[in-house]
Structure formats: structure tokens, C-alpha cells
């Protein structure tokens, strides 16, 4: 059976630097996988290639049976909008927009905006009491919850999170991880999360360790 997400023999070079050295990696639908490793290990590069934000120098990538390497620029952008939700370390919220308007912005680039749907997405992450607040009026944890709502609004097939708690204290980190756990266990989201924090990685069901552009360990979480 073909995996939901699969990369095979992926090499990624930037000039004379090699970020990925023939990596093969697969994720089943509904799995929560943490990718860990030191800075420069290739984990964020691999995440960007899985999400179609970057392309491999060689090798192939597929998601839900679609060969991403065969897509042109415009079809790839459309595929990302319809299938992938992103959560980054920096929330990248538009400072002059309210929470609900920031979520609706993702709808605008996908299809049509729907304020009721945006409100429902914020309610899913416990932010229905902060709909009219701008980013400067929100805590770091609240900003990340808005970011997650924005990632979910277009019903993606996979959630890609790159250091989603990197700027948060332990209390807010635990709140965000609890939210991701609920999305995974109750809504069966497929999640791939890059982190350098062992505590964060332990929340996932699977932990993949990278070193110098290679996967050196792949094991179930002991949590």
C-alpha cells in the first residue's frame, strides 16, 4: 500500500552545500510525526519539500497519490492551497487585521471568504473570545492559535508545523501541543512537526531524528 506522504531518494543542494543526502521518508494518513535534529540537519528543508515550498534537486515526492515533482508552478501553488496547512515559529499574522480577518485572509487566497467559517475555525482552537483583537493585543500562545486556525480554515489534508512552539514558554507550549493532540486524536489530522525540543517531540506518536542531511533514527515516541 502506498503511503499518504512519501519522499524517495531526495537530494537537495544549494550551490556547493548539500541539505538532504538521498533521504527516503514516508508518513501514513492520520500519523503525527516529529522531526528532530540540530540546526542545519535538514529537517526544515525536508518539511518544505514535503509541503511543496521547495523542490528537490533529485528524487521524488508524492502526497495522496500526486507526484509533486511533476506539477508546474501554478498547479503546485493550487495544490498547496487545497491540501496543506502551515504553522511556523513566527505567526506571520497581518498586524492591522483582527483575528477573524487574519483567518479569512487564507480563505481569500483559496476561494471565497466566509466570516462564519472563520469564526468557527477560531472556536475550534479556543479563540472565539478574541475574534476582534489584533495580533498586538494577543499573547504569543494566542497568536499561534490564530495561526493554527488559519492553517485549518481550508480543510487541509496535512498540517506542517515548523518549530510551532519555538517562541513560547512552557505553559503556552503545552497548550499548543494539547491543541495539536486533540486535532490528531479527535479529528485524525496528519501532522508533521519539526522541533529541536525533546519535550515537544515526545507529544508525537513517532520521532524521526536527522543529522547532516540524513535520517539516522526513526522510532515510536515513548510518551
N, C-alpha and C. Protein backbone atom coordinates (compact mmCIF):
# COMPACT_ATOMS: atom_id res chain seq x y z
N UNK A 1 0.85 -1.21 0.00
CA UNK A 1 0.00 0.00 0.00
C UNK A 1 0.88 1.25 0.00
N UNK A 2 0.53 2.22 -0.85
CA UNK A 2 1.30 3.46 -0.94
C UNK A 2 1.04 4.34 0.26
N UNK A 3 2.10 4.91 0.83
CA UNK A 3 1.97 5.80 1.97
C UNK A 3 1.26 7.09 1.55
N UNK A 4 0.64 7.76 2.51
CA UNK A 4 -0.04 9.02 2.23
C UNK A 4 0.95 10.08 1.74
N UNK A 5 2.09 10.21 2.44
CA UNK A 5 3.16 11.11 2.03
C UNK A 5 4.43 10.28 1.88
N UNK A 6 5.12 10.46 0.77
CA UNK A 6 6.34 9.67 0.56
C UNK A 6 7.37 10.48 -0.21
N UNK A 7 8.58 10.50 0.31
CA UNK A 7 9.70 11.05 -0.44
C UNK A 7 10.72 9.93 -0.63
N UNK A 8 11.27 9.84 -1.84
CA UNK A 8 12.18 8.76 -2.18
C UNK A 8 13.48 9.32 -2.72
N UNK A 9 14.58 8.96 -2.05
CA UNK A 9 15.94 9.29 -2.52
C UNK A 9 16.08 10.78 -2.83
N UNK A 10 15.58 11.62 -1.93
CA UNK A 10 15.59 13.06 -2.19
C UNK A 10 16.94 13.67 -1.83
N UNK A 11 17.51 14.31 -2.82
CA UNK A 11 18.75 15.08 -2.68
C UNK A 11 18.39 16.55 -2.84
N UNK A 12 18.91 17.39 -1.97
CA UNK A 12 18.70 18.83 -2.10
C UNK A 12 20.02 19.55 -1.93
N UNK A 13 20.42 20.25 -2.99
CA UNK A 13 21.66 21.00 -2.99
C UNK A 13 21.39 22.48 -3.20
N UNK A 14 22.13 23.30 -2.46
CA UNK A 14 22.10 24.75 -2.64
C UNK A 14 23.52 25.17 -3.00
N UNK A 15 23.78 25.28 -4.29
CA UNK A 15 25.15 25.57 -4.71
C UNK A 15 26.07 24.41 -4.33
N UNK A 16 27.08 24.72 -3.52
CA UNK A 16 28.02 23.67 -3.09
C UNK A 16 27.60 23.00 -1.79
N UNK A 17 26.51 23.49 -1.17
CA UNK A 17 26.03 22.91 0.09
C UNK A 17 24.96 21.86 -0.19
N UNK A 18 25.00 20.77 0.57
CA UNK A 18 24.00 19.71 0.43
C UNK A 18 23.17 19.64 1.69
N UNK A 19 21.85 19.91 1.55
CA UNK A 19 20.96 19.92 2.72
C UNK A 19 20.36 18.55 2.99
N UNK A 20 20.04 17.80 1.93
CA UNK A 20 19.49 16.45 2.07
C UNK A 20 20.30 15.51 1.18
N UNK A 21 20.63 14.35 1.72
CA UNK A 21 21.56 13.44 1.04
C UNK A 21 20.87 12.11 0.70
N UNK A 22 19.89 12.16 -0.17
CA UNK A 22 19.22 10.94 -0.59
C UNK A 22 18.28 10.39 0.45
N UNK A 23 17.43 11.27 1.01
CA UNK A 23 16.52 10.89 2.09
C UNK A 23 15.27 10.19 1.54
N UNK A 24 14.88 9.12 2.21
CA UNK A 24 13.60 8.45 1.94
C UNK A 24 12.78 8.45 3.23
N UNK A 25 11.49 8.79 3.10
CA UNK A 25 10.68 9.04 4.29
C UNK A 25 9.22 8.89 3.90
N UNK A 26 8.44 8.22 4.74
CA UNK A 26 7.02 8.04 4.43
C UNK A 26 6.19 8.27 5.68
N UNK A 27 4.99 8.82 5.50
CA UNK A 27 4.06 9.08 6.60
C UNK A 27 2.70 8.54 6.20
N UNK A 28 2.09 7.79 7.10
CA UNK A 28 0.75 7.26 6.85
C UNK A 28 -0.30 8.32 7.20
N UNK A 29 -1.45 8.20 6.59
CA UNK A 29 -2.55 9.12 6.87
C UNK A 29 -2.94 9.02 8.36
N UNK A 30 -3.12 10.17 8.99
CA UNK A 30 -3.51 10.22 10.39
C UNK A 30 -2.37 10.10 11.38
N UNK A 31 -1.14 10.05 10.90
CA UNK A 31 0.02 9.92 11.79
C UNK A 31 0.51 11.29 12.24
N UNK A 32 1.02 11.37 13.47
CA UNK A 32 1.67 12.58 13.99
C UNK A 32 3.15 12.25 14.14
N UNK A 33 3.97 12.90 13.32
CA UNK A 33 5.40 12.62 13.28
C UNK A 33 6.18 13.88 13.65
N UNK A 34 7.11 13.75 14.58
CA UNK A 34 8.03 14.83 14.92
C UNK A 34 9.37 14.56 14.24
N UNK A 35 9.94 15.61 13.65
CA UNK A 35 11.25 15.52 13.02
C UNK A 35 12.20 16.38 13.84
N UNK A 36 13.24 15.77 14.39
CA UNK A 36 14.15 16.47 15.29
C UNK A 36 15.57 16.43 14.73
N UNK A 37 16.40 17.33 15.25
CA UNK A 37 17.79 17.38 14.83
C UNK A 37 18.37 18.75 15.10
N UNK A 38 19.67 18.84 15.09
CA UNK A 38 20.35 20.12 15.32
C UNK A 38 20.10 21.07 14.15
N UNK A 39 20.39 22.33 14.36
CA UNK A 39 20.29 23.31 13.29
C UNK A 39 21.20 22.88 12.14
N UNK A 40 20.66 22.91 10.92
CA UNK A 40 21.44 22.50 9.75
C UNK A 40 21.37 21.03 9.44
N UNK A 41 20.54 20.29 10.18
CA UNK A 41 20.45 18.84 9.95
C UNK A 41 19.61 18.49 8.73
N UNK A 42 18.82 19.45 8.23
CA UNK A 42 18.00 19.22 7.05
C UNK A 42 16.52 19.06 7.33
N UNK A 43 16.12 19.18 8.60
CA UNK A 43 14.72 18.90 8.94
C UNK A 43 13.75 19.90 8.33
N UNK A 44 14.06 21.19 8.37
CA UNK A 44 13.16 22.18 7.78
C UNK A 44 13.15 22.10 6.27
N UNK A 45 14.30 21.78 5.68
CA UNK A 45 14.35 21.59 4.23
C UNK A 45 13.43 20.46 3.82
N UNK A 46 13.48 19.35 4.55
CA UNK A 46 12.60 18.23 4.23
C UNK A 46 11.13 18.62 4.37
N UNK A 47 10.80 19.38 5.41
CA UNK A 47 9.41 19.81 5.60
C UNK A 47 8.96 20.69 4.44
N UNK A 48 9.82 21.60 4.00
CA UNK A 48 9.47 22.49 2.89
C UNK A 48 9.27 21.72 1.59
N UNK A 49 10.05 20.68 1.40
CA UNK A 49 9.90 19.87 0.19
C UNK A 49 8.61 19.06 0.25
N UNK A 50 8.29 18.52 1.42
CA UNK A 50 7.03 17.78 1.57
C UNK A 50 5.84 18.69 1.26
N UNK A 51 5.92 19.95 1.71
CA UNK A 51 4.82 20.89 1.51
C UNK A 51 4.83 21.61 0.19
N UNK A 52 5.82 21.34 -0.65
CA UNK A 52 5.86 21.97 -1.96
C UNK A 52 6.35 23.40 -1.96
N UNK A 53 6.94 23.85 -0.84
CA UNK A 53 7.52 25.19 -0.82
C UNK A 53 8.90 25.21 -1.46
N UNK A 54 9.50 24.04 -1.58
CA UNK A 54 10.80 23.88 -2.21
C UNK A 54 10.75 22.59 -3.03
N UNK A 55 11.66 22.43 -3.95
CA UNK A 55 11.69 21.24 -4.78
C UNK A 55 13.03 20.55 -4.64
N UNK A 56 13.07 19.23 -4.76
CA UNK A 56 14.33 18.51 -4.62
C UNK A 56 15.23 18.68 -5.84
N UNK A 57 16.52 18.54 -5.63
CA UNK A 57 17.46 18.53 -6.76
C UNK A 57 17.32 17.23 -7.53
N UNK A 58 17.03 16.14 -6.81
CA UNK A 58 16.70 14.87 -7.45
C UNK A 58 15.88 14.05 -6.47
N UNK A 59 15.27 12.97 -6.97
CA UNK A 59 14.37 12.19 -6.14
C UNK A 59 12.93 12.59 -6.42
N UNK A 60 11.99 11.99 -5.72
CA UNK A 60 10.59 12.27 -5.97
C UNK A 60 9.80 12.40 -4.67
N UNK A 61 8.71 13.15 -4.74
CA UNK A 61 7.85 13.42 -3.59
C UNK A 61 6.40 13.22 -4.02
N UNK A 62 5.62 12.52 -3.21
CA UNK A 62 4.20 12.36 -3.52
C UNK A 62 3.37 12.57 -2.27
N UNK A 63 2.15 13.06 -2.48
CA UNK A 63 1.19 13.22 -1.40
C UNK A 63 -0.17 12.78 -1.91
N UNK A 64 -0.76 11.83 -1.22
CA UNK A 64 -2.08 11.31 -1.58
C UNK A 64 -2.13 10.89 -3.05
N UNK A 65 -1.06 10.27 -3.51
CA UNK A 65 -1.00 9.76 -4.87
C UNK A 65 -0.61 10.77 -5.93
N UNK A 66 -0.37 12.02 -5.55
CA UNK A 66 0.01 13.06 -6.51
C UNK A 66 1.52 13.24 -6.49
N UNK A 67 2.14 13.15 -7.67
CA UNK A 67 3.58 13.37 -7.81
C UNK A 67 3.83 14.87 -7.83
N UNK A 68 4.34 15.41 -6.73
CA UNK A 68 4.53 16.85 -6.63
C UNK A 68 5.59 17.35 -7.59
N UNK A 69 6.57 16.52 -7.89
CA UNK A 69 7.66 16.95 -8.76
C UNK A 69 7.19 17.13 -10.21
N UNK A 70 6.03 16.56 -10.53
CA UNK A 70 5.51 16.67 -11.90
C UNK A 70 4.64 17.91 -12.08
N UNK A 71 4.36 18.63 -10.99
CA UNK A 71 3.50 19.80 -11.07
C UNK A 71 4.29 21.05 -11.44
N UNK A 72 3.71 21.87 -12.29
CA UNK A 72 4.30 23.16 -12.59
C UNK A 72 4.06 24.15 -11.45
N UNK A 73 4.54 25.36 -11.60
CA UNK A 73 4.47 26.35 -10.53
C UNK A 73 3.04 26.66 -10.12
N UNK A 74 2.17 26.94 -11.07
CA UNK A 74 0.78 27.28 -10.73
C UNK A 74 0.00 26.09 -10.17
N UNK A 75 0.09 24.91 -10.79
CA UNK A 75 -0.59 23.75 -10.19
C UNK A 75 -0.05 23.41 -8.80
N UNK A 76 1.25 23.63 -8.57
CA UNK A 76 1.82 23.36 -7.26
C UNK A 76 1.27 24.33 -6.23
N UNK A 77 1.13 25.60 -6.59
CA UNK A 77 0.57 26.59 -5.68
C UNK A 77 -0.88 26.25 -5.35
N UNK A 78 -1.62 25.80 -6.34
CA UNK A 78 -3.01 25.41 -6.11
C UNK A 78 -3.08 24.17 -5.21
N UNK A 79 -2.19 23.22 -5.43
CA UNK A 79 -2.16 22.01 -4.61
C UNK A 79 -1.87 22.36 -3.16
N UNK A 80 -0.92 23.25 -2.92
CA UNK A 80 -0.61 23.68 -1.55
C UNK A 80 -1.82 24.31 -0.88
N UNK A 81 -2.48 25.21 -1.58
CA UNK A 81 -3.64 25.90 -1.01
C UNK A 81 -4.73 24.92 -0.61
N UNK A 82 -4.90 23.87 -1.40
CA UNK A 82 -6.03 22.95 -1.19
C UNK A 82 -5.71 21.79 -0.27
N UNK A 83 -4.43 21.52 -0.01
CA UNK A 83 -4.08 20.30 0.71
C UNK A 83 -3.19 20.47 1.92
N UNK A 84 -2.51 21.61 2.05
CA UNK A 84 -1.50 21.76 3.10
C UNK A 84 -1.80 22.97 3.98
N UNK A 85 -1.77 22.76 5.30
CA UNK A 85 -1.86 23.85 6.26
C UNK A 85 -0.51 24.03 6.93
N UNK A 86 -0.05 25.28 7.05
CA UNK A 86 1.27 25.56 7.60
C UNK A 86 1.16 26.31 8.92
N UNK A 87 2.01 25.91 9.87
CA UNK A 87 2.17 26.66 11.12
C UNK A 87 3.67 26.85 11.32
N UNK A 88 4.09 28.11 11.42
CA UNK A 88 5.51 28.40 11.55
C UNK A 88 5.84 28.92 12.95
N UNK A 89 7.14 29.03 13.23
CA UNK A 89 7.58 29.56 14.52
C UNK A 89 7.08 31.00 14.70
N UNK A 90 7.24 31.79 13.67
CA UNK A 90 6.67 33.13 13.65
C UNK A 90 5.25 33.03 13.11
N UNK A 91 4.31 33.68 13.76
CA UNK A 91 2.91 33.52 13.36
C UNK A 91 2.58 34.16 12.02
N UNK A 92 3.36 35.19 11.62
CA UNK A 92 3.14 35.87 10.34
C UNK A 92 1.71 36.39 10.20
N UNK A 93 1.14 36.85 11.30
CA UNK A 93 -0.18 37.47 11.23
C UNK A 93 -0.04 38.90 10.73
N UNK A 94 -1.02 39.36 9.98
CA UNK A 94 -1.01 40.74 9.50
C UNK A 94 -1.38 41.65 10.66
N UNK A 95 -0.50 42.58 11.04
CA UNK A 95 -0.68 43.31 12.30
C UNK A 95 -1.92 44.19 12.37
N UNK A 96 -2.41 44.68 11.23
CA UNK A 96 -3.56 45.60 11.27
C UNK A 96 -4.89 44.87 11.07
N UNK A 97 -4.86 43.55 10.96
CA UNK A 97 -6.10 42.77 10.81
C UNK A 97 -6.46 42.11 12.14
N UNK A 98 -7.74 41.91 12.38
CA UNK A 98 -8.20 41.21 13.57
C UNK A 98 -7.97 39.71 13.41
N UNK A 99 -8.20 38.97 14.48
CA UNK A 99 -8.03 37.52 14.42
C UNK A 99 -8.89 36.91 13.31
N UNK A 100 -10.16 37.28 13.28
CA UNK A 100 -11.05 36.69 12.27
C UNK A 100 -10.65 37.13 10.87
N UNK A 101 -10.18 38.34 10.71
CA UNK A 101 -9.75 38.81 9.39
C UNK A 101 -8.47 38.10 8.94
N UNK A 102 -7.56 37.81 9.87
CA UNK A 102 -6.36 37.06 9.51
C UNK A 102 -6.70 35.66 9.02
N UNK A 103 -7.68 35.03 9.65
CA UNK A 103 -8.10 33.70 9.21
C UNK A 103 -8.80 33.79 7.85
N UNK A 104 -9.62 34.80 7.66
CA UNK A 104 -10.31 34.97 6.39
C UNK A 104 -9.34 35.25 5.25
N UNK A 105 -8.18 35.81 5.56
CA UNK A 105 -7.18 36.08 4.52
C UNK A 105 -6.75 34.79 3.83
N UNK A 106 -6.62 33.71 4.60
CA UNK A 106 -6.27 32.42 4.00
C UNK A 106 -7.39 31.93 3.08
N UNK A 107 -8.64 32.20 3.44
CA UNK A 107 -9.76 31.83 2.57
C UNK A 107 -9.69 32.61 1.26
N UNK A 108 -9.32 33.88 1.36
CA UNK A 108 -9.26 34.74 0.18
C UNK A 108 -8.33 34.17 -0.88
N UNK A 109 -7.17 33.66 -0.44
CA UNK A 109 -6.20 33.10 -1.40
C UNK A 109 -6.60 31.71 -1.88
N UNK A 110 -7.57 31.09 -1.18
CA UNK A 110 -8.01 29.75 -1.56
C UNK A 110 -9.24 29.79 -2.45
N UNK A 111 -10.27 30.52 -2.02
CA UNK A 111 -11.51 30.56 -2.80
C UNK A 111 -12.29 31.82 -2.45
N UNK A 112 -13.31 31.67 -1.58
CA UNK A 112 -14.12 32.80 -1.15
C UNK A 112 -14.08 32.93 0.36
N UNK A 113 -14.12 34.15 0.85
CA UNK A 113 -14.11 34.36 2.30
C UNK A 113 -15.48 34.09 2.88
N UNK A 114 -15.49 33.58 4.10
CA UNK A 114 -16.73 33.28 4.81
C UNK A 114 -16.46 33.55 6.29
N UNK A 115 -17.00 34.65 6.80
CA UNK A 115 -16.71 35.05 8.17
C UNK A 115 -17.21 34.04 9.18
N UNK A 116 -18.35 33.42 8.90
CA UNK A 116 -18.87 32.42 9.83
C UNK A 116 -17.91 31.23 9.94
N UNK A 117 -17.36 30.80 8.82
CA UNK A 117 -16.40 29.69 8.83
C UNK A 117 -15.13 30.10 9.58
N UNK A 118 -14.69 31.33 9.41
CA UNK A 118 -13.51 31.81 10.11
C UNK A 118 -13.75 31.85 11.62
N UNK A 119 -14.94 32.28 12.01
CA UNK A 119 -15.28 32.28 13.43
C UNK A 119 -15.30 30.85 13.99
N UNK A 120 -15.83 29.92 13.21
CA UNK A 120 -15.86 28.52 13.65
C UNK A 120 -14.45 27.96 13.80
N UNK A 121 -13.56 28.33 12.88
CA UNK A 121 -12.17 27.85 12.96
C UNK A 121 -11.49 28.38 14.22
N UNK A 122 -11.76 29.62 14.56
CA UNK A 122 -11.18 30.19 15.78
C UNK A 122 -11.79 29.54 17.02
N UNK A 123 -13.06 29.18 16.95
CA UNK A 123 -13.68 28.50 18.08
C UNK A 123 -13.04 27.12 18.28
N UNK A 124 -12.64 26.47 17.20
CA UNK A 124 -12.01 25.15 17.31
C UNK A 124 -10.70 25.20 18.09
N UNK A 125 -10.04 26.36 18.06
CA UNK A 125 -8.75 26.49 18.78
C UNK A 125 -8.90 27.33 20.05
N UNK A 126 -10.15 27.52 20.48
CA UNK A 126 -10.39 28.23 21.73
C UNK A 126 -10.16 29.72 21.68
N UNK A 127 -10.37 30.32 20.50
CA UNK A 127 -10.12 31.76 20.35
C UNK A 127 -11.37 32.52 19.96
N UNK A 128 -12.54 31.96 20.24
CA UNK A 128 -13.77 32.64 19.88
C UNK A 128 -14.04 33.87 20.74
N UNK A 129 -13.28 34.04 21.83
CA UNK A 129 -13.44 35.22 22.67
C UNK A 129 -12.49 36.34 22.25
N UNK A 130 -11.67 36.13 21.21
CA UNK A 130 -10.68 37.13 20.78
C UNK A 130 -10.82 37.43 19.29
N UNK A 131 -12.02 37.31 18.77
CA UNK A 131 -12.24 37.46 17.34
C UNK A 131 -11.84 38.83 16.82
N UNK A 132 -12.10 39.87 17.58
CA UNK A 132 -11.87 41.22 17.11
C UNK A 132 -10.54 41.81 17.54
N UNK A 133 -9.67 41.00 18.14
CA UNK A 133 -8.39 41.51 18.62
C UNK A 133 -7.32 41.41 17.53
N UNK A 134 -6.45 42.42 17.50
CA UNK A 134 -5.31 42.40 16.57
C UNK A 134 -4.13 41.69 17.23
N UNK A 135 -3.14 41.26 16.42
CA UNK A 135 -2.02 40.50 16.97
C UNK A 135 -1.33 41.15 18.17
N UNK A 136 -1.20 42.46 18.16
CA UNK A 136 -0.52 43.15 19.26
C UNK A 136 -1.29 43.05 20.58
N UNK A 137 -2.57 42.71 20.49
CA UNK A 137 -3.41 42.56 21.68
C UNK A 137 -3.48 41.12 22.16
N UNK A 138 -2.74 40.22 21.50
CA UNK A 138 -2.76 38.80 21.83
C UNK A 138 -1.41 38.35 22.40
N UNK A 139 -1.44 37.36 23.27
CA UNK A 139 -0.20 36.76 23.76
C UNK A 139 0.42 35.90 22.66
N UNK A 140 1.65 35.46 22.87
CA UNK A 140 2.31 34.62 21.88
C UNK A 140 1.54 33.33 21.63
N UNK A 141 1.03 32.72 22.70
CA UNK A 141 0.25 31.50 22.55
C UNK A 141 -1.04 31.73 21.80
N UNK A 142 -1.68 32.87 22.06
CA UNK A 142 -2.93 33.20 21.35
C UNK A 142 -2.65 33.44 19.87
N UNK A 143 -1.55 34.12 19.57
CA UNK A 143 -1.19 34.33 18.17
C UNK A 143 -0.99 33.01 17.44
N UNK A 144 -0.35 32.04 18.11
CA UNK A 144 -0.15 30.75 17.47
C UNK A 144 -1.47 30.01 17.27
N UNK A 145 -2.42 30.19 18.18
CA UNK A 145 -3.71 29.55 18.00
C UNK A 145 -4.45 30.14 16.80
N UNK A 146 -4.32 31.45 16.61
CA UNK A 146 -4.89 32.07 15.41
C UNK A 146 -4.21 31.51 14.16
N UNK A 147 -2.90 31.33 14.24
CA UNK A 147 -2.15 30.77 13.12
C UNK A 147 -2.63 29.36 12.79
N UNK A 148 -2.91 28.56 13.82
CA UNK A 148 -3.42 27.21 13.59
C UNK A 148 -4.82 27.26 12.97
N UNK A 149 -5.66 28.16 13.46
CA UNK A 149 -7.00 28.32 12.88
C UNK A 149 -6.89 28.69 11.40
N UNK A 150 -5.97 29.57 11.09
CA UNK A 150 -5.74 29.97 9.70
C UNK A 150 -5.29 28.77 8.86
N UNK A 151 -4.44 27.92 9.45
CA UNK A 151 -3.96 26.74 8.73
C UNK A 151 -5.07 25.73 8.48
N UNK A 152 -6.08 25.71 9.37
CA UNK A 152 -7.15 24.72 9.28
C UNK A 152 -8.32 25.17 8.41
N UNK A 153 -8.43 26.45 8.12
CA UNK A 153 -9.66 27.00 7.57
C UNK A 153 -10.03 26.39 6.22
N UNK A 154 -9.04 25.97 5.43
CA UNK A 154 -9.34 25.43 4.10
C UNK A 154 -9.36 23.90 4.08
N UNK A 155 -9.52 23.29 5.27
CA UNK A 155 -9.64 21.83 5.41
C UNK A 155 -8.50 21.09 4.73
N UNK A 156 -7.26 21.34 5.15
CA UNK A 156 -6.11 20.67 4.52
C UNK A 156 -6.06 19.19 4.86
N UNK A 157 -5.31 18.44 4.07
CA UNK A 157 -5.11 17.01 4.33
C UNK A 157 -3.97 16.77 5.30
N UNK A 158 -3.06 17.73 5.41
CA UNK A 158 -1.90 17.58 6.29
C UNK A 158 -1.57 18.93 6.92
N UNK A 159 -1.12 18.90 8.17
CA UNK A 159 -0.68 20.09 8.88
C UNK A 159 0.84 19.99 9.05
N UNK A 160 1.55 20.97 8.51
CA UNK A 160 3.00 21.02 8.62
C UNK A 160 3.37 22.14 9.59
N UNK A 161 4.09 21.78 10.64
CA UNK A 161 4.42 22.75 11.70
C UNK A 161 5.93 22.81 11.88
N UNK A 162 6.50 23.98 11.65
CA UNK A 162 7.95 24.18 11.76
C UNK A 162 8.24 24.98 13.03
N UNK A 163 8.72 24.30 14.06
CA UNK A 163 9.00 24.91 15.36
C UNK A 163 7.80 25.71 15.87
N UNK A 164 6.61 25.11 15.92
CA UNK A 164 5.40 25.88 16.25
C UNK A 164 5.39 26.44 17.66
N UNK A 165 6.23 25.92 18.55
CA UNK A 165 6.27 26.43 19.93
C UNK A 165 7.62 27.07 20.26
N UNK A 166 8.42 27.34 19.24
CA UNK A 166 9.78 27.81 19.46
C UNK A 166 9.89 29.12 20.20
N UNK A 167 8.87 29.97 20.10
CA UNK A 167 8.90 31.27 20.76
C UNK A 167 8.06 31.33 22.03
N UNK A 168 7.57 30.18 22.49
CA UNK A 168 6.61 30.16 23.60
C UNK A 168 7.24 29.63 24.88
N UNK A 169 6.70 30.08 26.02
CA UNK A 169 7.11 29.49 27.30
C UNK A 169 6.48 28.12 27.45
N UNK A 170 6.86 27.40 28.51
CA UNK A 170 6.42 26.01 28.66
C UNK A 170 4.90 25.91 28.80
N UNK A 171 4.29 26.86 29.51
CA UNK A 171 2.83 26.80 29.69
C UNK A 171 2.11 26.91 28.36
N UNK A 172 2.50 27.91 27.55
CA UNK A 172 1.85 28.09 26.26
C UNK A 172 2.23 26.97 25.28
N UNK A 173 3.46 26.46 25.41
CA UNK A 173 3.87 25.32 24.60
C UNK A 173 2.95 24.13 24.84
N UNK A 174 2.66 23.86 26.12
CA UNK A 174 1.80 22.74 26.46
C UNK A 174 0.38 22.95 25.94
N UNK A 175 -0.11 24.20 25.98
CA UNK A 175 -1.44 24.49 25.46
C UNK A 175 -1.52 24.22 23.95
N UNK A 176 -0.49 24.66 23.22
CA UNK A 176 -0.47 24.45 21.77
C UNK A 176 -0.37 22.96 21.45
N UNK A 177 0.48 22.25 22.19
CA UNK A 177 0.63 20.81 21.96
C UNK A 177 -0.65 20.05 22.29
N UNK A 178 -1.35 20.50 23.34
CA UNK A 178 -2.63 19.89 23.67
C UNK A 178 -3.64 20.09 22.55
N UNK A 179 -3.60 21.26 21.92
CA UNK A 179 -4.49 21.54 20.79
C UNK A 179 -4.15 20.62 19.61
N UNK A 180 -2.86 20.49 19.30
CA UNK A 180 -2.44 19.61 18.21
C UNK A 180 -2.83 18.16 18.50
N UNK A 181 -2.70 17.76 19.76
CA UNK A 181 -3.06 16.39 20.14
C UNK A 181 -4.55 16.15 19.91
N UNK A 182 -5.37 17.13 20.25
CA UNK A 182 -6.81 16.98 20.04
C UNK A 182 -7.13 16.89 18.55
N UNK A 183 -6.47 17.72 17.73
CA UNK A 183 -6.68 17.65 16.28
C UNK A 183 -6.29 16.28 15.74
N UNK A 184 -5.22 15.73 16.32
CA UNK A 184 -4.73 14.43 15.86
C UNK A 184 -5.64 13.29 16.30
N UNK A 185 -6.01 13.28 17.57
CA UNK A 185 -6.76 12.14 18.10
C UNK A 185 -8.25 12.20 17.78
N UNK A 186 -8.83 13.40 17.80
CA UNK A 186 -10.27 13.53 17.60
C UNK A 186 -10.65 13.79 16.14
N UNK A 187 -9.79 14.51 15.43
CA UNK A 187 -10.11 14.85 14.03
C UNK A 187 -9.20 14.12 13.05
N UNK A 188 -8.28 13.30 13.58
CA UNK A 188 -7.45 12.42 12.76
C UNK A 188 -6.58 13.17 11.75
N UNK A 189 -6.08 14.33 12.17
CA UNK A 189 -5.20 15.09 11.31
C UNK A 189 -3.85 14.40 11.17
N UNK A 190 -3.31 14.45 9.96
CA UNK A 190 -1.92 14.07 9.72
C UNK A 190 -1.06 15.29 10.03
N UNK A 191 -0.08 15.12 10.92
CA UNK A 191 0.75 16.24 11.35
C UNK A 191 2.22 15.85 11.23
N UNK A 192 3.00 16.71 10.59
CA UNK A 192 4.46 16.58 10.58
C UNK A 192 5.00 17.84 11.22
N UNK A 193 5.76 17.67 12.30
CA UNK A 193 6.19 18.80 13.13
C UNK A 193 7.71 18.77 13.31
N UNK A 194 8.35 19.84 12.93
CA UNK A 194 9.79 20.00 13.13
C UNK A 194 10.02 20.68 14.47
N UNK A 195 10.95 20.15 15.26
CA UNK A 195 11.26 20.76 16.55
C UNK A 195 12.67 20.37 16.97
N UNK A 196 13.26 21.20 17.84
CA UNK A 196 14.55 20.85 18.45
C UNK A 196 14.36 20.46 19.91
N UNK A 197 13.12 20.52 20.39
CA UNK A 197 12.80 20.34 21.80
C UNK A 197 12.30 18.91 22.04
N UNK A 198 13.01 18.16 22.86
CA UNK A 198 12.62 16.77 23.13
C UNK A 198 11.25 16.68 23.79
N UNK A 199 10.92 17.66 24.63
CA UNK A 199 9.60 17.67 25.27
C UNK A 199 8.51 17.78 24.22
N UNK A 200 8.69 18.66 23.25
CA UNK A 200 7.71 18.85 22.18
C UNK A 200 7.61 17.59 21.32
N UNK A 201 8.75 17.03 20.94
CA UNK A 201 8.78 15.84 20.10
C UNK A 201 8.05 14.68 20.75
N UNK A 202 8.13 14.61 22.08
CA UNK A 202 7.53 13.50 22.81
C UNK A 202 6.02 13.43 22.72
N UNK A 203 5.37 14.51 22.30
CA UNK A 203 3.92 14.51 22.14
C UNK A 203 3.49 13.76 20.88
N UNK A 204 4.37 13.64 19.92
CA UNK A 204 4.03 12.97 18.67
C UNK A 204 4.07 11.46 18.85
N UNK A 205 3.47 10.75 17.94
CA UNK A 205 3.48 9.30 18.02
C UNK A 205 4.74 8.67 17.47
N UNK A 206 5.49 9.44 16.70
CA UNK A 206 6.69 8.94 16.03
C UNK A 206 7.72 10.06 16.01
N UNK A 207 8.98 9.70 16.24
CA UNK A 207 10.07 10.68 16.26
C UNK A 207 11.15 10.26 15.27
N UNK A 208 11.41 11.13 14.30
CA UNK A 208 12.44 10.90 13.29
C UNK A 208 13.59 11.87 13.57
N UNK A 209 14.79 11.35 13.71
CA UNK A 209 15.96 12.16 14.01
C UNK A 209 16.83 12.31 12.76
N UNK A 210 17.19 13.57 12.46
CA UNK A 210 18.03 13.86 11.31
C UNK A 210 19.38 14.38 11.74
N UNK A 211 20.38 14.07 10.92
CA UNK A 211 21.74 14.53 11.19
C UNK A 211 22.47 14.66 9.86
N UNK A 212 22.97 15.84 9.59
CA UNK A 212 23.78 16.08 8.38
C UNK A 212 23.07 15.62 7.11
N UNK A 213 21.77 15.95 7.02
CA UNK A 213 21.01 15.67 5.80
C UNK A 213 20.54 14.25 5.64
N UNK A 214 20.64 13.46 6.72
CA UNK A 214 20.21 12.07 6.66
C UNK A 214 19.32 11.73 7.85
N UNK A 215 18.43 10.76 7.67
CA UNK A 215 17.65 10.24 8.79
C UNK A 215 18.49 9.18 9.48
N UNK A 216 18.78 9.40 10.77
CA UNK A 216 19.64 8.46 11.49
C UNK A 216 18.86 7.62 12.50
N UNK A 217 17.61 7.99 12.78
CA UNK A 217 16.80 7.23 13.72
C UNK A 217 15.34 7.48 13.41
N UNK A 218 14.52 6.45 13.54
CA UNK A 218 13.08 6.56 13.30
C UNK A 218 12.40 5.57 14.24
N UNK A 219 11.71 6.11 15.26
CA UNK A 219 11.17 5.23 16.31
C UNK A 219 9.89 5.81 16.88
N UNK A 220 9.07 4.98 17.51
CA UNK A 220 7.86 5.48 18.19
C UNK A 220 8.25 6.37 19.36
N UNK A 221 7.39 7.34 19.66
CA UNK A 221 7.59 8.16 20.85
C UNK A 221 7.36 7.32 22.08
N UNK A 222 8.09 7.62 23.17
CA UNK A 222 7.91 6.88 24.42
C UNK A 222 6.91 7.54 25.34
N UNK A 223 6.20 8.60 24.81
CA UNK A 223 5.23 9.30 25.67
C UNK A 223 4.02 8.43 25.94
